[in-house]
Amino acid sequence: MGRTGRAGLLGAAMAFARSPQGQRMIRDARRRYDTPENRALLREKVTGLRSRRRGQF
């Protein structure tokens, strides 16, 4: 896929995200996945990645 193809795809995705249907999907996904349990899991994963990176240098 050429440079214009990727840009076109990204533009289409951004346009969809701004549309009423895209906004509805984003809202539904946030409602479904933005829970205290998922936040804690994400925090654990990010902490693990940060500690692994420090050990590499």
C-alpha atoms as a PDB file:
ATOM      1  CA  MET A   1       0.000   0.000   0.000  1.00  0.00           C
ATOM      2  CA  GLY A   2       1.486   3.327  -0.999  1.00  0.00           C
ATOM      3  CA  ARG A   3       1.793   6.437   1.050  1.00  0.00           C
ATOM      4  CA  THR A   4      -1.456   7.924  -0.245  1.00  0.00           C
ATOM      5  CA  GLY A   5      -3.274   4.658   0.472  1.00  0.00           C
ATOM      6  CA  ARG A   6      -2.330   4.724   4.134  1.00  0.00           C
ATOM      7  CA  ALA A   7      -3.171   8.397   4.427  1.00  0.00           C
ATOM      8  CA  GLY A   8      -6.506   7.753   2.774  1.00  0.00           C
ATOM      9  CA  LEU A   9      -7.249   4.874   5.117  1.00  0.00           C
ATOM     10  CA  LEU A  10      -6.296   6.934   8.159  1.00  0.00           C
ATOM     11  CA  GLY A  11      -8.450   9.817   6.935  1.00  0.00           C
ATOM     12  CA  ALA A  12     -11.397   7.489   6.429  1.00  0.00           C
ATOM     13  CA  ALA A  13     -10.951   6.056   9.933  1.00  0.00           C
ATOM     14  CA  MET A  14     -10.764   9.542  11.437  1.00  0.00           C
ATOM     15  CA  ALA A  15     -13.851  10.650   9.517  1.00  0.00           C
ATOM     16  CA  PHE A  16     -15.740   7.596  10.778  1.00  0.00           C
ATOM     17  CA  ALA A  17     -14.621   8.268  14.357  1.00  0.00           C
ATOM     18  CA  ARG A  18     -16.067  11.788  14.077  1.00  0.00           C
ATOM     19  CA  SER A  19     -19.385  10.577  12.653  1.00  0.00           C
ATOM     20  CA  PRO A  20     -22.413   9.966  14.893  1.00  0.00           C
ATOM     21  CA  GLN A  21     -22.108   6.185  14.377  1.00  0.00           C
ATOM     22  CA  GLY A  22     -18.384   6.286  15.187  1.00  0.00           C
ATOM     23  CA  GLN A  23     -19.006   8.384  18.304  1.00  0.00           C
ATOM     24  CA  ARG A  24     -21.655   5.884  19.416  1.00  0.00           C
ATOM     25  CA  MET A  25     -19.229   2.978  18.954  1.00  0.00           C
ATOM     26  CA  ILE A  26     -16.494   4.805  20.888  1.00  0.00           C
ATOM     27  CA  ARG A  27     -18.933   5.608  23.709  1.00  0.00           C
ATOM     28  CA  ASP A  28     -20.114   1.976  23.869  1.00  0.00           C
ATOM     29  CA  ALA A  29     -16.538   0.650  23.927  1.00  0.00           C
ATOM     30  CA  ARG A  30     -15.552   3.049  26.705  1.00  0.00           C
ATOM     31  CA  ARG A  31     -18.622   2.094  28.732  1.00  0.00           C
ATOM     32  CA  ARG A  32     -17.895  -1.597  28.279  1.00  0.00           C
ATOM     33  CA  TYR A  33     -14.132  -1.593  28.880  1.00  0.00           C
ATOM     34  CA  ASP A  34     -13.466   1.386  31.144  1.00  0.00           C
ATOM     35  CA  THR A  35     -13.830  -0.477  34.434  1.00  0.00           C
ATOM     36  CA  PRO A  36     -11.741  -0.338  37.613  1.00  0.00           C
ATOM     37  CA  GLU A  37     -10.575  -3.915  36.932  1.00  0.00           C
ATOM     38  CA  ASN A  38      -9.395  -3.069  33.415  1.00  0.00           C
ATOM     39  CA  ARG A  39      -7.671   0.092  34.639  1.00  0.00           C
ATOM     40  CA  ALA A  40      -5.800  -1.918  37.271  1.00  0.00           C
ATOM     41  CA  LEU A  41      -4.799  -4.530  34.680  1.00  0.00           C
ATOM     42  CA  LEU A  42      -3.557  -1.830  32.318  1.00  0.00           C
ATOM     43  CA  ARG A  43      -1.576  -0.200  35.138  1.00  0.00           C
ATOM     44  CA  GLU A  44       0.080  -3.549  35.902  1.00  0.00           C
ATOM     45  CA  LYS A  45       0.992  -4.106  32.244  1.00  0.00           C
ATOM     46  CA  VAL A  46       2.432  -0.604  31.811  1.00  0.00           C
ATOM     47  CA  THR A  47       4.446  -0.927  35.020  1.00  0.00           C
ATOM     48  CA  GLY A  48       5.827  -4.268  33.847  1.00  0.00           C
ATOM     49  CA  LEU A  49       6.843  -2.815  30.484  1.00  0.00           C
ATOM     50  CA  ARG A  50       8.545   0.158  32.110  1.00  0.00           C
ATOM     51  CA  SER A  51      10.533  -2.013  34.502  1.00  0.00           C
ATOM     52  CA  ARG A  52      11.624  -4.323  31.648  1.00  0.00           C
ATOM     53  CA  ARG A  53      12.810  -1.366  29.593  1.00  0.00           C
ATOM     54  CA  ARG A  54      14.918  -0.017  32.447  1.00  0.00           C
ATOM     55  CA  GLY A  55      16.651  -3.353  32.764  1.00  0.00           C
ATOM     56  CA  GLN A  56      17.627  -3.312  29.088  1.00  0.00           C
ATOM     57  CA  PHE A  57      19.733  -0.134  29.264  1.00  0.00           C
END
